Amino acid sequence: MHILRHYSPVPRPLQGGVYALGNFDGVHRGHQIVIGEAARVARELGAPLGVLVFEPHPKQFFFPNEPFFRLTPFRAKARLLEKMGVEVLAALPFDAAMAKKQAPDFVLDVLVKGLNATHVVAGYDFRFGKGRTGDASVLSYMGGEEGFGVSIVEEVSHGGEAYSSTRIREKLANGDPRGAAELLGHWWTVETHVMTGDQRGRTIGFPTANLALADHVQPALGVYAVRVEIEEGPHKGIYDGVANFGKRPTFDKKDVILEVHLFNFDGDIYGHHIAVSFIDYLRPEQKFDGLDALKAQIGKDSDKARALLAATPREFSPAP
């Protein structure tokens, strides 16, 4: 997959694509329908399949001091899009200049002169341009004027529940990773580097990989059954495990981190980039009287996680 950081100049072989437009945070099932329609048109026209997003997310630009809300920071989003067969990812910088660009100028400068798009696909609620004045009708009108095709995908839902990044965040905040996965169409996954921790877990027989969720939305505090992908090195592979996301009240800690214990694993992965998929919520975080009580509970959590994961396919299959 080719990644474009600017809309001009674009290498000629990457011009003329069919682009799905949107932020696609989470790349959930609604997003997948939009991108799937773009893929269908791209096959029909024999054109490259592209996705256009903004980095950072416009909300981060306008409200930099708000808590992190993203389901999929850029690297995770790019991985998901590549798995879907996206050939060109236009990750355009959202800065002051882009924020001031009027809707017609965005179409002319970015879609027509820059990417030379032959067709674009967007959701019914897609907005663009200064003050979010551009919408589906503006996009369709300008497509007719400038000679590129436009497809608008209407709202889609499952079981009366709309596919929504906001709704997915709510499910994660309520300790429902499986419910979030039903809307996502895949396990919710965080990706970050393993940092050096207190190494206290080794002393009780449960060594952990410690991770800070610096740019992800925070799920409910508590214990989870997880699957972990180590992307490179001698330990490359996918492992089952149990994780605690919280403040570690037994040790009077205040910062929030993710501690992951991998089953049947003995290796050094400090500094490695790993992906942690949240499968099931086991229990809320709690404070224990001492290390023996904590160790006993981790053993119970591990047994429960092993059983749940043994009955769970590696690839998530959403209900039809």
Protein backbone atom coordinates (compact mmCIF):
# COMPACT_ATOMS: atom_id res chain seq x y z
CA MET A 1 0.00 0.00 0.00
CA HIS A 2 1.29 3.43 -0.97
CA ILE A 3 0.94 6.19 1.62
CA LEU A 4 0.65 9.79 0.43
CA ARG A 5 1.31 12.53 2.96
CA HIS A 6 0.44 15.37 0.56
CA TYR A 7 -2.06 15.75 -2.26
CA SER A 8 0.43 17.40 -4.58
CA PRO A 9 2.50 16.29 -6.35
CA VAL A 10 1.10 12.77 -6.67
CA PRO A 11 3.09 10.22 -8.73
CA ARG A 12 1.32 9.59 -12.01
CA PRO A 13 0.81 5.83 -11.42
CA LEU A 14 -1.16 6.68 -8.26
CA GLN A 15 -3.43 9.23 -9.91
CA GLY A 16 -6.90 8.48 -11.22
CA GLY A 17 -7.99 6.33 -8.31
CA VAL A 18 -11.37 5.69 -6.75
CA TYR A 19 -11.31 7.18 -3.24
CA ALA A 20 -13.36 6.50 -0.14
CA LEU A 21 -13.56 9.74 1.85
CA GLY A 22 -13.78 9.98 5.64
CA ASN A 23 -11.88 9.75 8.90
CA PHE A 24 -12.77 6.06 9.34
CA ASP A 25 -11.85 5.95 13.03
CA GLY A 26 -12.17 2.29 13.97
CA VAL A 27 -12.68 1.14 10.37
CA HIS A 28 -15.97 -0.27 11.63
CA ARG A 29 -18.59 -2.18 9.63
CA GLY A 30 -20.22 1.03 8.37
CA HIS A 31 -16.85 2.29 7.16
CA GLN A 32 -16.21 -1.09 5.55
CA ILE A 33 -19.38 -0.72 3.47
CA VAL A 34 -18.21 2.69 2.20
CA ILE A 35 -14.76 1.33 1.37
CA GLY A 36 -16.31 -1.81 -0.10
CA GLU A 37 -18.39 0.30 -2.49
CA ALA A 38 -15.24 2.17 -3.51
CA ALA A 39 -13.55 -1.19 -4.12
CA ARG A 40 -16.45 -2.33 -6.31
CA VAL A 41 -16.25 0.83 -8.44
CA ALA A 42 -12.45 0.59 -8.63
CA ARG A 43 -12.69 -2.96 -9.99
CA GLU A 44 -15.32 -1.88 -12.49
CA LEU A 45 -13.18 1.01 -13.74
CA GLY A 46 -9.84 -0.78 -13.47
CA ALA A 47 -8.60 2.02 -11.22
CA PRO A 48 -6.53 2.01 -8.00
CA LEU A 49 -8.49 1.77 -4.76
CA GLY A 50 -7.71 4.66 -2.43
CA VAL A 51 -8.81 6.02 0.94
CA LEU A 52 -8.47 9.65 1.96
CA VAL A 53 -8.15 10.52 5.65
CA PHE A 54 -6.77 13.42 7.67
CA GLU A 55 -3.87 13.26 10.14
CA PRO A 56 -4.24 14.39 12.80
CA HIS A 57 -7.98 13.82 13.12
CA PRO A 58 -9.67 17.25 12.70
CA LYS A 59 -11.11 16.97 16.21
CA GLN A 60 -7.57 16.76 17.60
CA PHE A 61 -6.63 19.90 15.66
CA PHE A 62 -9.57 21.95 16.90
CA PHE A 63 -9.65 20.55 20.45
CA PRO A 64 -6.05 19.59 21.30
CA ASN A 65 -6.62 19.46 25.06
CA GLU A 66 -9.50 16.98 25.02
CA PRO A 67 -8.84 13.38 26.16
CA PHE A 68 -7.72 10.89 23.55
CA PHE A 69 -10.72 9.48 21.71
CA ARG A 70 -9.32 7.58 18.75
CA LEU A 71 -10.18 3.93 18.31
CA THR A 72 -7.46 3.45 15.70
CA PRO A 73 -4.44 5.75 15.58
CA PHE A 74 -2.77 5.99 12.19
CA ARG A 75 -0.62 2.85 12.24
CA ALA A 76 -3.51 0.61 13.32
CA LYS A 77 -5.82 2.20 10.77
CA ALA A 78 -3.29 1.71 7.98
CA ARG A 79 -2.94 -1.98 8.84
CA LEU A 80 -6.69 -2.51 8.70
CA LEU A 81 -7.03 -0.67 5.40
CA GLU A 82 -4.19 -2.61 3.82
CA LYS A 83 -5.90 -5.87 4.81
CA MET A 84 -8.97 -4.62 2.93
CA GLY A 85 -6.97 -4.26 -0.27
CA VAL A 86 -6.53 -0.49 -0.22
CA GLU A 87 -3.73 0.43 -2.63
CA VAL A 88 -3.34 4.15 -1.88
CA LEU A 89 -3.80 5.79 1.52
CA ALA A 90 -3.85 9.58 1.24
CA ALA A 91 -3.19 10.66 4.84
CA LEU A 92 -3.35 14.41 4.38
CA PRO A 93 -2.12 16.75 7.12
CA PHE A 94 -4.96 18.60 8.81
CA ASP A 95 -3.40 21.96 9.63
CA ALA A 96 -4.44 25.62 9.65
CA ALA A 97 -4.28 25.80 5.85
CA MET A 98 -6.52 22.76 5.42
CA ALA A 99 -8.93 24.02 8.09
CA LYS A 100 -9.36 27.30 6.15
CA LYS A 101 -9.94 25.64 2.78
CA GLN A 102 -13.44 26.25 1.46
CA ALA A 103 -15.41 23.20 0.34
CA PRO A 104 -15.18 23.96 -3.42
CA ASP A 105 -11.44 24.58 -3.09
CA PHE A 106 -11.00 21.26 -1.32
CA VAL A 107 -12.67 19.48 -4.21
CA LEU A 108 -10.69 21.35 -6.87
CA ASP A 109 -7.29 21.36 -5.16
CA VAL A 110 -7.29 17.93 -3.52
CA LEU A 111 -9.63 15.66 -5.47
CA VAL A 112 -9.34 17.10 -8.98
CA LYS A 113 -5.90 18.71 -9.39
CA GLY A 114 -4.05 16.69 -6.75
CA LEU A 115 -5.33 13.12 -6.70
CA ASN A 116 -7.07 13.31 -10.10
CA ALA A 117 -9.81 11.10 -8.66
CA THR A 118 -12.05 9.36 -11.18
CA HIS A 119 -14.71 8.53 -8.58
CA VAL A 120 -15.26 9.19 -4.87
CA VAL A 121 -17.43 7.40 -2.32
CA ALA A 122 -18.57 8.93 0.97
CA GLY A 123 -21.03 8.25 3.75
CA TYR A 124 -24.25 10.23 3.94
CA ASP A 125 -22.88 12.31 6.85
CA PHE A 126 -19.49 13.19 5.34
CA ARG A 127 -18.58 16.86 5.85
CA PHE A 128 -15.63 18.80 4.49
CA GLY A 129 -14.32 22.31 3.96
CA LYS A 130 -14.16 25.34 6.26
CA GLY A 131 -16.95 25.24 8.81
CA ARG A 132 -17.97 21.79 7.53
CA THR A 133 -20.01 23.50 4.82
CA GLY A 134 -19.38 20.77 2.26
CA ASP A 135 -21.74 17.81 2.34
CA ALA A 136 -23.00 15.00 0.10
CA SER A 137 -25.02 17.35 -2.11
CA VAL A 138 -22.07 19.72 -2.62
CA LEU A 139 -19.81 16.78 -3.43
CA SER A 140 -22.30 15.34 -5.92
CA TYR A 141 -22.83 18.70 -7.62
CA MET A 142 -19.11 19.36 -8.01
CA GLY A 143 -18.53 15.84 -9.27
CA GLY A 144 -20.96 16.56 -12.07
CA GLU A 145 -19.28 19.89 -12.82
CA GLU A 146 -15.72 18.57 -12.74
CA GLY A 147 -16.26 15.19 -14.36
CA PHE A 148 -15.69 12.66 -11.59
CA GLY A 149 -18.20 10.16 -10.27
CA VAL A 150 -19.74 10.36 -6.81
CA SER A 151 -21.47 7.65 -4.77
CA ILE A 152 -23.12 8.38 -1.42
CA VAL A 153 -23.71 5.50 1.00
CA GLU A 154 -26.73 5.86 3.26
CA GLU A 155 -26.74 5.03 6.98
CA VAL A 156 -26.38 1.33 7.74
CA SER A 157 -27.14 -0.54 10.96
CA HIS A 158 -27.43 -4.02 12.42
CA GLY A 159 -30.22 -5.09 14.74
CA GLY A 160 -31.46 -1.54 14.96
CA GLU A 161 -28.06 -0.25 16.10
CA ALA A 162 -26.19 2.12 13.79
CA TYR A 163 -22.52 1.49 13.13
CA SER A 164 -20.96 4.40 14.99
CA SER A 165 -17.49 5.16 16.38
CA THR A 166 -19.17 6.95 19.28
CA ARG A 167 -21.25 3.87 20.12
CA ILE A 168 -18.14 1.68 19.97
CA ARG A 169 -16.36 3.98 22.44
CA GLU A 170 -19.35 3.68 24.76
CA LYS A 171 -19.24 -0.12 24.64
CA LEU A 172 -15.52 -0.12 25.44
CA ALA A 173 -16.06 2.31 28.32
CA ASN A 174 -18.74 -0.05 29.66
CA GLY A 175 -16.49 -3.12 29.55
CA ASP A 176 -18.07 -4.72 26.48
CA PRO A 177 -15.26 -5.51 24.01
CA ARG A 178 -17.33 -8.19 22.26
CA GLY A 179 -20.15 -5.71 21.72
CA ALA A 180 -17.60 -3.26 20.33
CA ALA A 181 -16.26 -5.98 18.03
CA GLU A 182 -19.76 -6.64 16.68
CA LEU A 183 -19.91 -3.03 15.48
CA LEU A 184 -16.28 -2.93 14.37
CA GLY A 185 -16.31 -6.22 12.49
CA HIS A 186 -12.94 -7.03 14.08
CA TRP A 187 -11.42 -7.15 17.55
CA TRP A 188 -10.60 -3.77 19.05
CA THR A 189 -6.82 -3.60 19.10
CA VAL A 190 -4.28 -1.21 20.59
CA GLU A 191 -0.78 -0.94 19.18
CA THR A 192 2.16 0.51 21.05
CA HIS A 193 5.67 -0.20 22.33
CA VAL A 194 6.51 -2.30 25.38
CA MET A 195 8.07 -0.12 28.07
CA THR A 196 10.12 -1.00 31.13
CA GLY A 197 7.97 -1.32 34.25
CA ASP A 198 8.53 -2.21 37.89
CA GLN A 199 9.14 -5.86 36.93
CA ARG A 200 7.10 -6.82 39.99
CA GLY A 201 5.16 -9.42 38.03
CA ARG A 202 8.25 -11.58 37.65
CA THR A 203 8.50 -11.92 41.43
CA ILE A 204 5.07 -13.57 41.65
CA GLY A 205 5.36 -15.74 38.56
CA PHE A 206 3.36 -13.56 36.17
CA PRO A 207 5.76 -11.35 34.16
CA THR A 208 3.98 -8.63 32.20
CA ALA A 209 4.59 -6.43 29.19
CA ASN A 210 3.72 -2.87 30.21
CA LEU A 211 2.19 -0.47 27.72
CA ALA A 212 0.95 3.11 27.89
CA LEU A 213 -2.17 3.86 25.84
CA ALA A 214 -0.93 7.34 25.06
CA ASP A 215 -3.00 7.98 21.93
CA HIS A 216 -5.92 5.57 22.27
CA VAL A 217 -9.36 5.87 23.78
CA GLN A 218 -9.37 4.27 27.22
CA PRO A 219 -11.58 1.22 27.83
CA ALA A 220 -13.09 0.32 31.20
CA LEU A 221 -10.55 -0.28 33.94
CA GLY A 222 -10.24 -3.95 34.73
CA VAL A 223 -9.00 -7.36 33.64
CA TYR A 224 -9.34 -8.70 30.08
CA ALA A 225 -8.71 -11.83 28.06
CA VAL A 226 -6.48 -10.69 25.20
CA ARG A 227 -4.61 -11.83 22.14
CA VAL A 228 -1.23 -10.29 21.43
CA GLU A 229 0.66 -10.07 18.16
CA ILE A 230 4.41 -9.54 18.32
CA GLU A 231 5.19 -8.10 14.92
CA GLU A 232 8.90 -8.77 14.58
CA GLY A 233 11.96 -10.43 16.07
CA PRO A 234 12.58 -13.97 17.30
CA HIS A 235 9.27 -14.07 19.18
CA LYS A 236 7.14 -13.00 16.22
CA GLY A 237 3.70 -14.55 16.46
CA ILE A 238 0.29 -14.41 18.16
CA TYR A 239 -0.12 -15.29 21.83
CA ASP A 240 -3.06 -15.61 24.21
CA GLY A 241 -2.91 -13.74 27.47
CA VAL A 242 -4.57 -11.88 30.31
CA ALA A 243 -4.26 -8.13 30.87
CA ASN A 244 -5.00 -5.56 33.52
CA PHE A 245 -5.79 -2.02 32.44
CA GLY A 246 -5.74 0.27 35.42
CA LYS A 247 -3.95 2.02 38.27
CA ARG A 248 -2.69 -1.05 40.19
CA PRO A 249 -4.33 -0.03 43.51
CA THR A 250 -2.65 -2.90 45.40
CA PHE A 251 0.60 -0.97 44.97
CA ASP A 252 -0.94 2.50 45.44
CA LYS A 253 -0.16 3.55 41.88
CA LYS A 254 -2.00 6.44 40.22
CA ASP A 255 -1.00 6.31 36.56
CA VAL A 256 -3.03 4.12 34.21
CA ILE A 257 -1.19 1.48 32.19
CA LEU A 258 -1.92 -1.79 30.39
CA GLU A 259 -0.11 -4.81 31.84
CA VAL A 260 -0.21 -7.94 29.67
CA HIS A 261 0.80 -11.43 30.77
CA LEU A 262 1.40 -13.80 27.83
CA PHE A 263 0.68 -17.49 28.32
CA ASN A 264 3.44 -19.99 27.53
CA PHE A 265 5.92 -17.23 26.80
CA ASP A 266 9.42 -16.59 28.06
CA GLY A 267 11.29 -13.86 26.22
CA ASP A 268 12.46 -10.26 26.24
CA ILE A 269 10.25 -7.93 24.21
CA TYR A 270 11.14 -4.59 25.78
CA GLY A 271 10.92 -1.88 23.14
CA HIS A 272 9.02 -4.13 20.71
CA HIS A 273 5.91 -2.86 18.96
CA ILE A 274 2.99 -5.15 19.76
CA ALA A 275 -0.74 -5.25 19.05
CA VAL A 276 -3.13 -6.21 21.85
CA SER A 277 -6.67 -7.31 20.91
CA PHE A 278 -9.30 -7.08 23.66
CA ILE A 279 -11.49 -10.20 23.56
CA ASP A 280 -13.43 -10.43 26.83
CA TYR A 281 -13.87 -8.37 30.00
CA LEU A 282 -13.28 -10.57 33.05
CA ARG A 283 -13.77 -8.30 36.06
CA PRO A 284 -13.25 -4.76 37.38
CA GLU A 285 -9.90 -3.77 38.84
CA GLN A 286 -9.62 -4.25 42.59
CA LYS A 287 -7.23 -3.78 45.48
CA PHE A 288 -5.83 -6.88 47.25
CA ASP A 289 -4.49 -7.27 50.77
CA GLY A 290 -1.12 -8.51 49.59
CA LEU A 291 0.92 -10.32 46.94
CA ASP A 292 -0.41 -13.77 47.82
CA ALA A 293 -4.02 -12.68 47.29
CA LEU A 294 -3.09 -10.91 44.07
CA LYS A 295 -1.19 -13.95 42.78
CA ALA A 296 -4.13 -16.25 43.53
CA GLN A 297 -6.55 -13.97 41.67
CA ILE A 298 -4.25 -13.66 38.66
CA GLY A 299 -4.16 -17.45 38.52
CA LYS A 300 -7.98 -17.55 38.47
CA ASP A 301 -8.10 -14.79 35.85
CA SER A 302 -5.59 -16.68 33.71
CA ASP A 303 -7.61 -19.90 33.88
CA LYS A 304 -10.79 -18.07 32.87
CA ALA A 305 -9.01 -16.25 30.04
CA ARG A 306 -7.50 -19.49 28.72
CA ALA A 307 -10.94 -21.12 28.60
CA LEU A 308 -12.58 -18.15 26.88
CA LEU A 309 -9.80 -17.79 24.33
CA ALA A 310 -9.74 -21.53 23.57
CA ALA A 311 -13.40 -21.21 22.53
CA THR A 312 -12.85 -18.02 20.52
CA PRO A 313 -11.69 -18.06 16.87
CA ARG A 314 -8.61 -15.98 16.18
CA GLU A 315 -10.38 -13.93 13.52
CA PHE A 316 -13.55 -12.24 14.67
CA SER A 317 -16.68 -13.24 12.75
CA PRO A 318 -19.49 -10.72 13.27
CA ALA A 319 -23.08 -11.88 13.41
CA PRO A 320 -24.77 -11.69 9.98
